[in-house]
C-alpha atoms as a PDB file:
ATOM      1  CA  UNK A   1      22.897   9.020  16.756  1.00  0.00           C
ATOM      2  CA  UNK A   2      19.207   9.059  15.907  1.00  0.00           C
ATOM      3  CA  UNK A   3      17.801   6.116  14.012  1.00  0.00           C
ATOM      4  CA  UNK A   4      16.607   7.236  10.632  1.00  0.00           C
ATOM      5  CA  UNK A   5      13.593   5.451   9.307  1.00  0.00           C
ATOM      6  CA  UNK A   6      11.823   6.166   5.946  1.00  0.00           C
ATOM      7  CA  UNK A   7       8.040   6.868   5.864  1.00  0.00           C
ATOM      8  CA  UNK A   8       7.729   3.562   3.914  1.00  0.00           C
ATOM      9  CA  UNK A   9       9.525   1.569   6.838  1.00  0.00           C
ATOM     10  CA  UNK A  10       7.403   3.411   9.288  1.00  0.00           C
ATOM     11  CA  UNK A  11       4.169   2.521   7.649  1.00  0.00           C
ATOM     12  CA  UNK A  12       5.097  -1.039   7.520  1.00  0.00           C
ATOM     13  CA  UNK A  13       6.006  -0.921  11.237  1.00  0.00           C
ATOM     14  CA  UNK A  14       2.856   0.625  12.026  1.00  0.00           C
ATOM     15  CA  UNK A  15       0.842  -1.994   9.937  1.00  0.00           C
ATOM     16  CA  UNK A  16       2.795  -4.842  11.637  1.00  0.00           C
ATOM     17  CA  UNK A  17       2.324  -3.448  15.071  1.00  0.00           C
ATOM     18  CA  UNK A  18      -1.386  -3.040  14.504  1.00  0.00           C
ATOM     19  CA  UNK A  19      -1.803  -6.478  13.131  1.00  0.00           C
ATOM     20  CA  UNK A  20       0.185  -8.088  16.081  1.00  0.00           C
ATOM     21  CA  UNK A  21      -1.721  -6.228  18.688  1.00  0.00           C
ATOM     22  CA  UNK A  22      -5.021  -7.056  16.935  1.00  0.00           C
ATOM     23  CA  UNK A  23      -4.139 -10.918  17.002  1.00  0.00           C
ATOM     24  CA  UNK A  24      -2.438 -10.879  20.515  1.00  0.00           C
ATOM     25  CA  UNK A  25      -5.335 -11.658  22.455  1.00  0.00           C
ATOM     26  CA  UNK A  26      -5.714 -15.015  20.975  1.00  0.00           C
ATOM     27  CA  UNK A  27      -2.443 -16.032  22.693  1.00  0.00           C
ATOM     28  CA  UNK A  28      -4.193 -16.848  25.833  1.00  0.00           C
ATOM     29  CA  UNK A  29      -6.504 -19.264  24.300  1.00  0.00           C
ATOM     30  CA  UNK A  30      -6.158 -22.872  24.439  1.00  0.00           C
ATOM     31  CA  UNK A  31      -6.561 -25.404  21.524  1.00  0.00           C
ATOM     32  CA  UNK A  32      -9.984 -25.285  19.821  1.00  0.00           C
ATOM     33  CA  UNK A  33     -12.117 -28.066  18.314  1.00  0.00           C
ATOM     34  CA  UNK A  34     -10.407 -28.372  14.904  1.00  0.00           C
ATOM     35  CA  UNK A  35      -7.018 -28.321  16.538  1.00  0.00           C
ATOM     36  CA  UNK A  36      -7.776 -31.843  18.047  1.00  0.00           C
ATOM     37  CA  UNK A  37      -7.580 -33.364  14.756  1.00  0.00           C
ATOM     38  CA  UNK A  38      -5.313 -31.047  12.723  1.00  0.00           C
ATOM     39  CA  UNK A  39      -2.631 -30.298  15.350  1.00  0.00           C
ATOM     40  CA  UNK A  40      -2.918 -32.627  18.443  1.00  0.00           C
ATOM     41  CA  UNK A  41      -4.017 -35.923  16.713  1.00  0.00           C
ATOM     42  CA  UNK A  42      -2.322 -35.407  13.257  1.00  0.00           C
ATOM     43  CA  UNK A  43       1.075 -37.508  13.117  1.00  0.00           C
ATOM     44  CA  UNK A  44       2.128 -35.431  10.226  1.00  0.00           C
ATOM     45  CA  UNK A  45       2.057 -32.452  12.562  1.00  0.00           C
ATOM     46  CA  UNK A  46       4.306 -34.125  15.073  1.00  0.00           C
ATOM     47  CA  UNK A  47       6.486 -37.134  13.916  1.00  0.00           C
ATOM     48  CA  UNK A  48       5.582 -38.787  10.828  1.00  0.00           C
ATOM     49  CA  UNK A  49       8.015 -38.809   7.693  1.00  0.00           C
ATOM     50  CA  UNK A  50       8.432 -35.496   6.060  1.00  0.00           C
ATOM     51  CA  UNK A  51       7.533 -37.091   2.718  1.00  0.00           C
ATOM     52  CA  UNK A  52       4.096 -38.141   4.288  1.00  0.00           C
ATOM     53  CA  UNK A  53       3.302 -34.474   4.799  1.00  0.00           C
ATOM     54  CA  UNK A  54       3.282 -34.115   0.970  1.00  0.00           C
ATOM     55  CA  UNK A  55       1.174 -37.137   0.392  1.00  0.00           C
ATOM     56  CA  UNK A  56      -1.476 -36.550   3.036  1.00  0.00           C
ATOM     57  CA  UNK A  57      -4.384 -34.044   3.443  1.00  0.00           C
ATOM     58  CA  UNK A  58      -4.651 -31.372   6.172  1.00  0.00           C
ATOM     59  CA  UNK A  59      -5.921 -33.631   8.705  1.00  0.00           C
ATOM     60  CA  UNK A  60      -3.321 -36.512   8.069  1.00  0.00           C
ATOM     61  CA  UNK A  61      -5.121 -38.889   5.821  1.00  0.00           C
ATOM     62  CA  UNK A  62      -3.574 -40.086   2.680  1.00  0.00           C
ATOM     63  CA  UNK A  63      -4.773 -37.679  -0.004  1.00  0.00           C
ATOM     64  CA  UNK A  64      -5.986 -40.646  -2.343  1.00  0.00           C
ATOM     65  CA  UNK A  65      -8.013 -42.345   0.339  1.00  0.00           C
ATOM     66  CA  UNK A  66     -11.681 -42.280  -0.076  1.00  0.00           C
ATOM     67  CA  UNK A  67     -11.843 -40.920   3.585  1.00  0.00           C
ATOM     68  CA  UNK A  68      -9.694 -37.968   2.763  1.00  0.00           C
ATOM     69  CA  UNK A  69     -11.043 -34.321   3.054  1.00  0.00           C
ATOM     70  CA  UNK A  70      -8.930 -33.683   0.014  1.00  0.00           C
ATOM     71  CA  UNK A  71      -7.450 -30.439   1.613  1.00  0.00           C
ATOM     72  CA  UNK A  72      -3.921 -30.346   0.706  1.00  0.00           C
ATOM     73  CA  UNK A  73      -2.006 -27.770   2.881  1.00  0.00           C
ATOM     74  CA  UNK A  74       1.598 -28.934   3.444  1.00  0.00           C
ATOM     75  CA  UNK A  75       3.037 -25.628   4.383  1.00  0.00           C
ATOM     76  CA  UNK A  76       0.586 -25.315   7.162  1.00  0.00           C
ATOM     77  CA  UNK A  77       1.243 -28.710   8.510  1.00  0.00           C
ATOM     78  CA  UNK A  78       4.819 -28.033   8.190  1.00  0.00           C
ATOM     79  CA  UNK A  79       4.299 -24.880  10.335  1.00  0.00           C
ATOM     80  CA  UNK A  80       2.489 -26.877  12.926  1.00  0.00           C
ATOM     81  CA  UNK A  81       5.386 -29.632  13.029  1.00  0.00           C
ATOM     82  CA  UNK A  82       7.872 -26.805  13.511  1.00  0.00           C
ATOM     83  CA  UNK A  83       5.905 -25.421  16.501  1.00  0.00           C
ATOM     84  CA  UNK A  84       5.746 -28.898  17.743  1.00  0.00           C
ATOM     85  CA  UNK A  85       9.536 -29.461  17.488  1.00  0.00           C
ATOM     86  CA  UNK A  86      10.448 -26.015  18.991  1.00  0.00           C
ATOM     87  CA  UNK A  87       8.495 -26.869  22.293  1.00  0.00           C
ATOM     88  CA  UNK A  88       9.122 -30.741  22.257  1.00  0.00           C
ATOM     89  CA  UNK A  89       5.202 -31.042  22.370  1.00  0.00           C
ATOM     90  CA  UNK A  90       2.218 -28.914  22.087  1.00  0.00           C
ATOM     91  CA  UNK A  91       2.027 -25.242  23.439  1.00  0.00           C
ATOM     92  CA  UNK A  92      -1.091 -23.455  22.462  1.00  0.00           C
ATOM     93  CA  UNK A  93       0.645 -20.135  23.172  1.00  0.00           C
ATOM     94  CA  UNK A  94       3.509 -20.634  20.791  1.00  0.00           C
ATOM     95  CA  UNK A  95       0.972 -21.873  17.998  1.00  0.00           C
ATOM     96  CA  UNK A  96      -1.145 -18.827  18.515  1.00  0.00           C
ATOM     97  CA  UNK A  97       1.929 -16.566  18.604  1.00  0.00           C
ATOM     98  CA  UNK A  98       3.165 -18.015  15.393  1.00  0.00           C
ATOM     99  CA  UNK A  99      -0.234 -17.398  13.926  1.00  0.00           C
ATOM    100  CA  UNK A 100      -0.252 -13.796  15.196  1.00  0.00           C
ATOM    101  CA  UNK A 101       3.208 -13.273  13.567  1.00  0.00           C
ATOM    102  CA  UNK A 102       2.178 -14.807  10.201  1.00  0.00           C
ATOM    103  CA  UNK A 103      -0.857 -12.468  10.311  1.00  0.00           C
ATOM    104  CA  UNK A 104       1.247  -9.540  11.011  1.00  0.00           C
ATOM    105  CA  UNK A 105       3.492 -10.358   8.087  1.00  0.00           C
ATOM    106  CA  UNK A 106       0.577 -10.882   5.696  1.00  0.00           C
ATOM    107  CA  UNK A 107      -0.733  -7.443   6.733  1.00  0.00           C
ATOM    108  CA  UNK A 108       2.439  -5.909   5.731  1.00  0.00           C
ATOM    109  CA  UNK A 109       2.382  -7.785   2.383  1.00  0.00           C
ATOM    110  CA  UNK A 110      -1.250  -6.395   1.923  1.00  0.00           C
ATOM    111  CA  UNK A 111       0.118  -2.796   2.616  1.00  0.00           C
ATOM    112  CA  UNK A 112       2.848  -3.461  -0.009  1.00  0.00           C
ATOM    113  CA  UNK A 113       0.301  -4.458  -2.607  1.00  0.00           C
ATOM    114  CA  UNK A 114      -1.923  -1.501  -1.591  1.00  0.00           C
ATOM    115  CA  UNK A 115       1.286   0.738  -1.995  1.00  0.00           C
ATOM    116  CA  UNK A 116       1.195  -0.200  -5.604  1.00  0.00           C
ATOM    117  CA  UNK A 117      -2.443   0.005  -6.231  1.00  0.00           C
ATOM    118  CA  UNK A 118      -3.465   3.032  -4.152  1.00  0.00           C
ATOM    119  CA  UNK A 119      -2.583   6.723  -3.775  1.00  0.00           C
ATOM    120  CA  UNK A 120       0.090   7.382  -1.129  1.00  0.00           C
ATOM    121  CA  UNK A 121      -2.303   8.732   1.410  1.00  0.00           C
ATOM    122  CA  UNK A 122      -4.824   6.022   1.087  1.00  0.00           C
ATOM    123  CA  UNK A 123      -2.616   2.971   1.364  1.00  0.00           C
ATOM    124  CA  UNK A 124      -1.946   2.915   5.105  1.00  0.00           C
ATOM    125  CA  UNK A 125      -5.650   3.444   5.792  1.00  0.00           C
ATOM    126  CA  UNK A 126      -6.725   0.723   3.311  1.00  0.00           C
ATOM    127  CA  UNK A 127      -4.386  -1.836   4.992  1.00  0.00           C
ATOM    128  CA  UNK A 128      -5.331  -1.111   8.541  1.00  0.00           C
ATOM    129  CA  UNK A 129      -9.206  -0.980   7.651  1.00  0.00           C
ATOM    130  CA  UNK A 130      -9.173  -4.143   5.650  1.00  0.00           C
ATOM    131  CA  UNK A 131      -6.818  -6.451   7.546  1.00  0.00           C
ATOM    132  CA  UNK A 132      -7.589  -5.342  11.166  1.00  0.00           C
ATOM    133  CA  UNK A 133     -11.164  -6.275  11.350  1.00  0.00           C
ATOM    134  CA  UNK A 134     -13.291  -8.770  13.185  1.00  0.00           C
ATOM    135  CA  UNK A 135     -13.466 -10.970  10.016  1.00  0.00           C
ATOM    136  CA  UNK A 136      -9.985 -11.884  10.869  1.00  0.00           C
ATOM    137  CA  UNK A 137     -10.982 -13.194  14.318  1.00  0.00           C
ATOM    138  CA  UNK A 138     -11.967 -16.694  13.329  1.00  0.00           C
ATOM    139  CA  UNK A 139      -8.566 -17.502  11.507  1.00  0.00           C
ATOM    140  CA  UNK A 140      -6.599 -16.152  14.560  1.00  0.00           C
ATOM    141  CA  UNK A 141      -8.620 -17.846  17.280  1.00  0.00           C
ATOM    142  CA  UNK A 142      -7.943 -21.354  16.295  1.00  0.00           C
ATOM    143  CA  UNK A 143      -4.792 -22.838  14.915  1.00  0.00           C
ATOM    144  CA  UNK A 144      -6.327 -24.481  12.092  1.00  0.00           C
ATOM    145  CA  UNK A 145      -7.109 -20.832  10.968  1.00  0.00           C
ATOM    146  CA  UNK A 146      -3.596 -20.324   9.968  1.00  0.00           C
ATOM    147  CA  UNK A 147      -4.335 -21.706   6.740  1.00  0.00           C
ATOM    148  CA  UNK A 148      -6.653 -18.746   5.937  1.00  0.00           C
ATOM    149  CA  UNK A 149      -3.763 -16.387   7.098  1.00  0.00           C
ATOM    150  CA  UNK A 150      -1.013 -18.207   5.144  1.00  0.00           C
ATOM    151  CA  UNK A 151      -3.384 -18.239   2.098  1.00  0.00           C
ATOM    152  CA  UNK A 152      -3.648 -14.593   2.407  1.00  0.00           C
ATOM    153  CA  UNK A 153       0.064 -14.263   2.519  1.00  0.00           C
ATOM    154  CA  UNK A 154       0.632 -16.667  -0.478  1.00  0.00           C
ATOM    155  CA  UNK A 155      -1.674 -14.550  -2.475  1.00  0.00           C
ATOM    156  CA  UNK A 156       0.121 -11.289  -1.401  1.00  0.00           C
ATOM    157  CA  UNK A 157       3.452 -12.875  -2.382  1.00  0.00           C
ATOM    158  CA  UNK A 158       2.078 -14.116  -5.606  1.00  0.00           C
ATOM    159  CA  UNK A 159       0.821 -10.392  -6.428  1.00  0.00           C
ATOM    160  CA  UNK A 160       4.340  -9.055  -5.381  1.00  0.00           C
ATOM    161  CA  UNK A 161       5.550 -11.189  -8.328  1.00  0.00           C
ATOM    162  CA  UNK A 162       2.763 -10.426 -10.667  1.00  0.00           C
ATOM    163  CA  UNK A 163       2.894  -6.570  -9.934  1.00  0.00           C
ATOM    164  CA  UNK A 164       2.734  -5.772 -13.483  1.00  0.00           C
ATOM    165  CA  UNK A 165      -0.386  -7.661 -14.128  1.00  0.00           C
ATOM    166  CA  UNK A 166      -2.080  -6.075 -11.108  1.00  0.00           C
ATOM    167  CA  UNK A 167      -0.989  -2.700 -12.242  1.00  0.00           C
ATOM    168  CA  UNK A 168      -2.433  -3.086 -15.741  1.00  0.00           C
ATOM    169  CA  UNK A 169      -5.760  -4.616 -14.502  1.00  0.00           C
ATOM    170  CA  UNK A 170      -6.172  -2.348 -11.596  1.00  0.00           C
ATOM    171  CA  UNK A 171      -8.458  -4.712  -9.643  1.00  0.00           C
ATOM    172  CA  UNK A 172      -7.959  -6.950  -6.748  1.00  0.00           C
ATOM    173  CA  UNK A 173      -7.921 -10.837  -6.767  1.00  0.00           C
ATOM    174  CA  UNK A 174      -9.202 -13.476  -4.363  1.00  0.00           C
ATOM    175  CA  UNK A 175      -6.360 -14.753  -2.503  1.00  0.00           C
ATOM    176  CA  UNK A 176      -8.449 -17.911  -1.582  1.00  0.00           C
ATOM    177  CA  UNK A 177      -7.587 -18.896  -5.315  1.00  0.00           C
ATOM    178  CA  UNK A 178      -4.025 -19.096  -4.627  1.00  0.00           C
ATOM    179  CA  UNK A 179      -4.008 -20.663  -1.171  1.00  0.00           C
ATOM    180  CA  UNK A 180      -4.510 -24.167  -2.204  1.00  0.00           C
ATOM    181  CA  UNK A 181      -0.976 -25.511  -1.239  1.00  0.00           C
ATOM    182  CA  UNK A 182      -0.763 -23.854   2.151  1.00  0.00           C
END
C-alpha cells in the first residue's frame, strides 16, 4: 500500500525538513559565551526548585533584584532544564538538536500562517525564503538563541488562535511583541 499524503502535509514536511537541514550544522558546535551564564551556570536550568524558575530572570537572578536583567523567559529555562535532565548533565549536541527541532516546528507554524494569508502558490515559497535565511543563524548557533526561536513559535501559535484578526487586518505582526514569557 502506498502512503497517501495530502499536498498540505507534503508542504509542511518540506518546510520542516528544510528548516531542520538549515539548522543542522549547529549541532556540532559547543556552548557559546552566553551559554556559560544562562545554561551552564544557571541553577534554574539544572536543579533549583521549579517555583524558582518562575520568580527568576533568564539568567537565574531573582526578578525583583536590582541586579536582575529583567528578562523573564521561564519556558526557555524549563527547556534547558529538560535537556539537562535528559542527559543527566550538559550535552551541547542535545541543546542544539532541541533548538533545531524548535526552529523546524516554528517554521511549520509560519507556513500555516502563510497558508491563511497568501495565495496557494506563494505560501511555501514565502515560508522557505523568510524562515530559512542567514538571519536565523545567530539564534541557532547558541543555545540562548532558543528564546528567539521560541518567541517566533509563540507568536505563530498566537496568530493561529487569532486567525480571524489576521485575516481581517491582512498585515503581519512582530512576534517579538508576544515572546516575553518564553
